[in-house]
Amino acid sequence: MATSNDIKKGLCIESSNDIFKVIEFLHVKPGKGPAFVRTKLKSVTNGKVIDNTFSAGHKIDEVKVITRKFQYLYEDDNGFHFMNNDDFSQIYLNKEMIENSQFMKAGEEVTIILKEADETPLSAEIPPTVYLDVIEADPGVKGNTATNALKNAIVETGARVMVPLFIEPGDKIKINTEDG
């Protein structure tokens, strides 16, 4: 049993018959009144994000988790399929369990968070940056570009991103998977 003082980013907690992952947190100590922790929690079952405030010293049910490296294999109509790098067993995840999945390509290594008790998958984390080939890019119009001018491009995974004017099809670009 943990308290609100132990809350940190990535912590999984159980609340109202669901498992939530802490996305953001802020310890607040107002000048008047007791301290509290303001959090943003994401449900690992349905992907909904809720705001929650815990008073100082509030008891929370921490969910013990383990992380394992899996290799992304392919996507079908329902979700994504991964292979464990250690024992070659396969696991399936719903599309809601992975943020920014449009940047995943086959063969890439992904960290999957599993519940320690029964090894149920809770969520997956893709690498913070990926290198992808540009397949298609809008023609860049030079001219009144005193500031950063961007154009649309499509990468090998099918994701649309904004790139500088000098990027052409066939170039390899580095993408931050958090904001694209």
C-alpha atoms as a PDB file:
ATOM      1  CA  MET A   1       0.000   0.000   0.000  1.00  0.00           C
ATOM      2  CA  ALA A   2       1.510   3.299  -1.111  1.00  0.00           C
ATOM      3  CA  THR A   3       0.602   6.882  -0.251  1.00  0.00           C
ATOM      4  CA  SER A   4       0.063   9.960  -2.400  1.00  0.00           C
ATOM      5  CA  ASN A   5       3.684  10.961  -1.687  1.00  0.00           C
ATOM      6  CA  ASP A   6       4.884   7.943  -3.730  1.00  0.00           C
ATOM      7  CA  ILE A   7       3.087   9.031  -6.924  1.00  0.00           C
ATOM      8  CA  LYS A   8       5.395   9.411  -9.913  1.00  0.00           C
ATOM      9  CA  LYS A   9       5.072   9.338 -13.696  1.00  0.00           C
ATOM     10  CA  GLY A  10       4.488   5.807 -15.010  1.00  0.00           C
ATOM     11  CA  LEU A  11       3.151   4.431 -11.707  1.00  0.00           C
ATOM     12  CA  CYS A  12       0.206   2.049 -12.123  1.00  0.00           C
ATOM     13  CA  ILE A  13      -2.534   2.242  -9.485  1.00  0.00           C
ATOM     14  CA  GLU A  14      -5.859   0.522  -8.955  1.00  0.00           C
ATOM     15  CA  SER A  15      -8.872   2.731  -8.366  1.00  0.00           C
ATOM     16  CA  SER A  16     -12.630   2.185  -8.816  1.00  0.00           C
ATOM     17  CA  ASN A  17     -12.220  -1.334 -10.239  1.00  0.00           C
ATOM     18  CA  ASP A  18      -9.842  -0.187 -12.998  1.00  0.00           C
ATOM     19  CA  ILE A  19      -6.091   0.126 -13.448  1.00  0.00           C
ATOM     20  CA  PHE A  20      -4.713   3.584 -14.190  1.00  0.00           C
ATOM     21  CA  LYS A  21      -1.271   4.771 -15.237  1.00  0.00           C
ATOM     22  CA  VAL A  22      -0.039   8.152 -13.971  1.00  0.00           C
ATOM     23  CA  ILE A  23       0.690  10.394 -16.973  1.00  0.00           C
ATOM     24  CA  GLU A  24       1.291  13.665 -15.126  1.00  0.00           C
ATOM     25  CA  PHE A  25       1.458  14.675 -11.486  1.00  0.00           C
ATOM     26  CA  LEU A  26       2.033  17.817  -9.485  1.00  0.00           C
ATOM     27  CA  HIS A  27       2.626  18.083  -5.728  1.00  0.00           C
ATOM     28  CA  VAL A  28       0.880  21.250  -4.527  1.00  0.00           C
ATOM     29  CA  LYS A  29       1.465  22.885  -1.142  1.00  0.00           C
ATOM     30  CA  PRO A  30      -0.774  25.922  -0.955  1.00  0.00           C
ATOM     31  CA  GLY A  31      -0.008  28.653   1.537  1.00  0.00           C
ATOM     32  CA  LYS A  32      -3.232  27.910   3.346  1.00  0.00           C
ATOM     33  CA  GLY A  33      -4.653  24.429   3.783  1.00  0.00           C
ATOM     34  CA  PRO A  34      -3.255  20.918   3.431  1.00  0.00           C
ATOM     35  CA  ALA A  35      -1.004  19.699   0.613  1.00  0.00           C
ATOM     36  CA  PHE A  36      -2.384  17.583  -2.232  1.00  0.00           C
ATOM     37  CA  VAL A  37      -1.301  15.835  -5.433  1.00  0.00           C
ATOM     38  CA  ARG A  38      -3.000  16.724  -8.716  1.00  0.00           C
ATOM     39  CA  THR A  39      -2.740  13.876 -11.254  1.00  0.00           C
ATOM     40  CA  LYS A  40      -3.732  12.949 -14.776  1.00  0.00           C
ATOM     41  CA  LEU A  41      -4.520   9.228 -14.941  1.00  0.00           C
ATOM     42  CA  LYS A  42      -4.970   7.101 -18.063  1.00  0.00           C
ATOM     43  CA  SER A  43      -7.057   3.936 -17.900  1.00  0.00           C
ATOM     44  CA  VAL A  44      -5.083   0.996 -19.307  1.00  0.00           C
ATOM     45  CA  THR A  45      -8.284  -0.856 -20.206  1.00  0.00           C
ATOM     46  CA  ASN A  46     -10.136   1.762 -22.258  1.00  0.00           C
ATOM     47  CA  GLY A  47      -7.600   4.591 -22.732  1.00  0.00           C
ATOM     48  CA  LYS A  48      -9.695   7.339 -21.100  1.00  0.00           C
ATOM     49  CA  VAL A  49      -7.771  10.113 -19.356  1.00  0.00           C
ATOM     50  CA  ILE A  50      -9.161  11.514 -16.119  1.00  0.00           C
ATOM     51  CA  ASP A  51      -8.022  14.189 -13.683  1.00  0.00           C
ATOM     52  CA  ASN A  52      -7.823  13.166 -10.036  1.00  0.00           C
ATOM     53  CA  THR A  53      -6.668  14.894  -6.876  1.00  0.00           C
ATOM     54  CA  PHE A  54      -5.272  12.987  -3.899  1.00  0.00           C
ATOM     55  CA  SER A  55      -4.971  14.586  -0.470  1.00  0.00           C
ATOM     56  CA  ALA A  56      -1.642  14.360   1.349  1.00  0.00           C
ATOM     57  CA  GLY A  57      -1.073  10.914   2.848  1.00  0.00           C
ATOM     58  CA  HIS A  58      -3.987   9.333   0.924  1.00  0.00           C
ATOM     59  CA  LYS A  59      -3.540   5.537   0.624  1.00  0.00           C
ATOM     60  CA  ILE A  60      -3.430   4.195  -2.945  1.00  0.00           C
ATOM     61  CA  ASP A  61      -3.357   0.626  -4.255  1.00  0.00           C
ATOM     62  CA  GLU A  62      -0.192   0.271  -6.289  1.00  0.00           C
ATOM     63  CA  VAL A  63      -0.197  -2.363  -9.036  1.00  0.00           C
ATOM     64  CA  LYS A  64       3.117  -4.213  -9.342  1.00  0.00           C
ATOM     65  CA  VAL A  65       4.255  -4.263 -12.967  1.00  0.00           C
ATOM     66  CA  ILE A  66       7.120  -5.747 -14.959  1.00  0.00           C
ATOM     67  CA  THR A  67       8.459  -4.580 -18.310  1.00  0.00           C
ATOM     68  CA  ARG A  68       9.646  -6.782 -21.147  1.00  0.00           C
ATOM     69  CA  LYS A  69      11.013  -6.106 -24.609  1.00  0.00           C
ATOM     70  CA  PHE A  70       8.848  -7.358 -27.462  1.00  0.00           C
ATOM     71  CA  GLN A  71       9.294  -7.147 -31.218  1.00  0.00           C
ATOM     72  CA  TYR A  72       6.429  -5.648 -33.217  1.00  0.00           C
ATOM     73  CA  LEU A  73       5.287  -8.148 -35.863  1.00  0.00           C
ATOM     74  CA  TYR A  74       2.160  -6.891 -37.619  1.00  0.00           C
ATOM     75  CA  GLU A  75      -1.210  -5.153 -37.309  1.00  0.00           C
ATOM     76  CA  ASP A  76      -4.617  -6.616 -38.134  1.00  0.00           C
ATOM     77  CA  ASP A  77      -8.181  -5.287 -37.873  1.00  0.00           C
ATOM     78  CA  ASN A  78      -8.339  -5.650 -34.077  1.00  0.00           C
ATOM     79  CA  GLY A  79      -4.881  -4.632 -32.908  1.00  0.00           C
ATOM     80  CA  PHE A  80      -1.157  -5.368 -32.843  1.00  0.00           C
ATOM     81  CA  HIS A  81       0.841  -8.592 -32.533  1.00  0.00           C
ATOM     82  CA  PHE A  82       4.189  -8.781 -30.736  1.00  0.00           C
ATOM     83  CA  MET A  83       6.802 -11.479 -30.107  1.00  0.00           C
ATOM     84  CA  ASN A  84       8.737 -11.900 -26.860  1.00  0.00           C
ATOM     85  CA  ASN A  85      12.468 -11.636 -27.606  1.00  0.00           C
ATOM     86  CA  ASP A  86      13.364 -14.178 -24.900  1.00  0.00           C
ATOM     87  CA  ASP A  87      11.046 -17.158 -25.442  1.00  0.00           C
ATOM     88  CA  PHE A  88       9.481 -16.256 -28.847  1.00  0.00           C
ATOM     89  CA  SER A  89       5.931 -16.408 -27.476  1.00  0.00           C
ATOM     90  CA  GLN A  90       3.435 -14.037 -29.092  1.00  0.00           C
ATOM     91  CA  ILE A  91       1.165 -11.497 -27.451  1.00  0.00           C
ATOM     92  CA  TYR A  92      -1.715  -9.407 -28.788  1.00  0.00           C
ATOM     93  CA  LEU A  93      -2.607  -5.821 -27.773  1.00  0.00           C
ATOM     94  CA  ASN A  94      -5.669  -3.701 -28.569  1.00  0.00           C
ATOM     95  CA  LYS A  95      -5.145  -0.483 -30.520  1.00  0.00           C
ATOM     96  CA  GLU A  96      -6.175   1.621 -27.490  1.00  0.00           C
ATOM     97  CA  MET A  97      -3.268   0.290 -25.408  1.00  0.00           C
ATOM     98  CA  ILE A  98      -0.562   1.981 -27.509  1.00  0.00           C
ATOM     99  CA  GLU A  99      -0.113   5.717 -27.904  1.00  0.00           C
ATOM    100  CA  ASN A 100       1.156   7.035 -31.260  1.00  0.00           C
ATOM    101  CA  SER A 101       1.097   3.588 -32.850  1.00  0.00           C
ATOM    102  CA  GLN A 102       1.231   5.165 -36.315  1.00  0.00           C
ATOM    103  CA  PHE A 103       5.021   5.430 -35.914  1.00  0.00           C
ATOM    104  CA  MET A 104       5.604   1.682 -35.315  1.00  0.00           C
ATOM    105  CA  LYS A 105       7.127  -0.391 -38.094  1.00  0.00           C
ATOM    106  CA  ALA A 106       7.582  -4.150 -38.299  1.00  0.00           C
ATOM    107  CA  GLY A 107      10.654  -5.487 -36.499  1.00  0.00           C
ATOM    108  CA  GLU A 108      10.883  -2.567 -34.081  1.00  0.00           C
ATOM    109  CA  GLU A 109      11.447  -3.237 -30.373  1.00  0.00           C
ATOM    110  CA  VAL A 110       8.668  -2.094 -28.011  1.00  0.00           C
ATOM    111  CA  THR A 111       8.517  -2.157 -24.192  1.00  0.00           C
ATOM    112  CA  ILE A 112       5.327  -3.787 -22.919  1.00  0.00           C
ATOM    113  CA  ILE A 113       4.186  -3.282 -19.326  1.00  0.00           C
ATOM    114  CA  LEU A 114       2.680  -6.435 -17.782  1.00  0.00           C
ATOM    115  CA  LYS A 115       0.817  -6.921 -14.493  1.00  0.00           C
ATOM    116  CA  GLU A 116       3.183  -8.918 -12.279  1.00  0.00           C
ATOM    117  CA  ALA A 117       0.520 -11.157 -10.718  1.00  0.00           C
ATOM    118  CA  ASP A 118      -0.858 -12.777 -13.887  1.00  0.00           C
ATOM    119  CA  GLU A 119       1.274 -11.183 -16.662  1.00  0.00           C
ATOM    120  CA  THR A 120      -1.715  -9.437 -18.235  1.00  0.00           C
ATOM    121  CA  PRO A 121      -0.536  -6.743 -20.676  1.00  0.00           C
ATOM    122  CA  LEU A 122      -1.403  -3.239 -19.457  1.00  0.00           C
ATOM    123  CA  SER A 123       0.192  -0.928 -22.024  1.00  0.00           C
ATOM    124  CA  ALA A 124       3.066  -0.552 -24.450  1.00  0.00           C
ATOM    125  CA  GLU A 125       5.677   2.141 -24.891  1.00  0.00           C
ATOM    126  CA  ILE A 126       7.272   2.781 -28.261  1.00  0.00           C
ATOM    127  CA  PRO A 127      10.775   4.301 -28.405  1.00  0.00           C
ATOM    128  CA  PRO A 128      10.914   8.095 -27.883  1.00  0.00           C
ATOM    129  CA  THR A 129      12.346   8.597 -31.389  1.00  0.00           C
ATOM    130  CA  VAL A 130      12.219   6.570 -34.603  1.00  0.00           C
ATOM    131  CA  TYR A 131      13.892   6.859 -38.008  1.00  0.00           C
ATOM    132  CA  LEU A 132      11.449   6.496 -40.915  1.00  0.00           C
ATOM    133  CA  ASP A 133      11.725   6.898 -44.695  1.00  0.00           C
ATOM    134  CA  VAL A 134       9.675   9.601 -46.394  1.00  0.00           C
ATOM    135  CA  ILE A 135       7.484   8.050 -49.099  1.00  0.00           C
ATOM    136  CA  GLU A 136       5.610  11.110 -50.288  1.00  0.00           C
ATOM    137  CA  ALA A 137       6.096  14.839 -49.698  1.00  0.00           C
ATOM    138  CA  ASP A 138       4.187  17.881 -50.925  1.00  0.00           C
ATOM    139  CA  PRO A 139       6.169  20.154 -53.234  1.00  0.00           C
ATOM    140  CA  GLY A 140       7.875  22.893 -51.251  1.00  0.00           C
ATOM    141  CA  VAL A 141       7.035  26.451 -52.262  1.00  0.00           C
ATOM    142  CA  LYS A 142       9.936  28.792 -51.655  1.00  0.00           C
ATOM    143  CA  GLY A 143       9.307  32.476 -51.268  1.00  0.00           C
ATOM    144  CA  ASN A 144       8.048  34.365 -48.257  1.00  0.00           C
ATOM    145  CA  THR A 145       9.677  32.024 -45.725  1.00  0.00           C
ATOM    146  CA  ALA A 146      11.044  34.342 -43.082  1.00  0.00           C
ATOM    147  CA  THR A 147      10.019  31.813 -40.431  1.00  0.00           C
ATOM    148  CA  ASN A 148      10.051  28.017 -40.256  1.00  0.00           C
ATOM    149  CA  ALA A 149       8.050  26.836 -43.258  1.00  0.00           C
ATOM    150  CA  LEU A 150       6.720  23.275 -43.164  1.00  0.00           C
ATOM    151  CA  LYS A 151       4.997  20.938 -45.606  1.00  0.00           C
ATOM    152  CA  ASN A 152       3.066  17.661 -45.328  1.00  0.00           C
ATOM    153  CA  ALA A 153       4.828  14.336 -45.762  1.00  0.00           C
ATOM    154  CA  ILE A 154       3.844  10.668 -45.496  1.00  0.00           C
ATOM    155  CA  VAL A 155       6.322   8.213 -43.959  1.00  0.00           C
ATOM    156  CA  GLU A 156       6.682   4.461 -44.548  1.00  0.00           C
ATOM    157  CA  THR A 157       4.211   3.565 -41.779  1.00  0.00           C
ATOM    158  CA  GLY A 158       1.495   5.721 -43.373  1.00  0.00           C
ATOM    159  CA  ALA A 159       1.677   8.484 -40.740  1.00  0.00           C
ATOM    160  CA  ARG A 160       1.361  12.117 -41.827  1.00  0.00           C
ATOM    161  CA  VAL A 161       3.973  14.493 -40.420  1.00  0.00           C
ATOM    162  CA  MET A 162       5.069  18.076 -41.004  1.00  0.00           C
ATOM    163  CA  VAL A 163       8.620  18.433 -42.353  1.00  0.00           C
ATOM    164  CA  PRO A 164      10.886  21.310 -43.499  1.00  0.00           C
ATOM    165  CA  LEU A 165      10.752  22.354 -47.164  1.00  0.00           C
ATOM    166  CA  PHE A 166      14.054  20.656 -48.120  1.00  0.00           C
ATOM    167  CA  ILE A 167      12.843  17.108 -47.244  1.00  0.00           C
ATOM    168  CA  GLU A 168      12.154  14.992 -50.357  1.00  0.00           C
ATOM    169  CA  PRO A 169      10.767  11.455 -50.912  1.00  0.00           C
ATOM    170  CA  GLY A 170      13.446   8.862 -50.115  1.00  0.00           C
ATOM    171  CA  ASP A 171      14.972  10.867 -47.254  1.00  0.00           C
ATOM    172  CA  LYS A 172      15.205   9.304 -43.794  1.00  0.00           C
ATOM    173  CA  ILE A 173      13.910  11.506 -40.962  1.00  0.00           C
ATOM    174  CA  LYS A 174      14.027  11.271 -37.173  1.00  0.00           C
ATOM    175  CA  ILE A 175      10.586  11.603 -35.566  1.00  0.00           C
ATOM    176  CA  ASN A 176       9.784  12.350 -31.933  1.00  0.00           C
ATOM    177  CA  THR A 177       7.004   9.834 -31.199  1.00  0.00           C
ATOM    178  CA  GLU A 178       5.421  11.929 -28.428  1.00  0.00           C
ATOM    179  CA  ASP A 179       4.405  14.884 -30.601  1.00  0.00           C
ATOM    180  CA  GLY A 180       5.102  13.706 -34.172  1.00  0.00           C
END
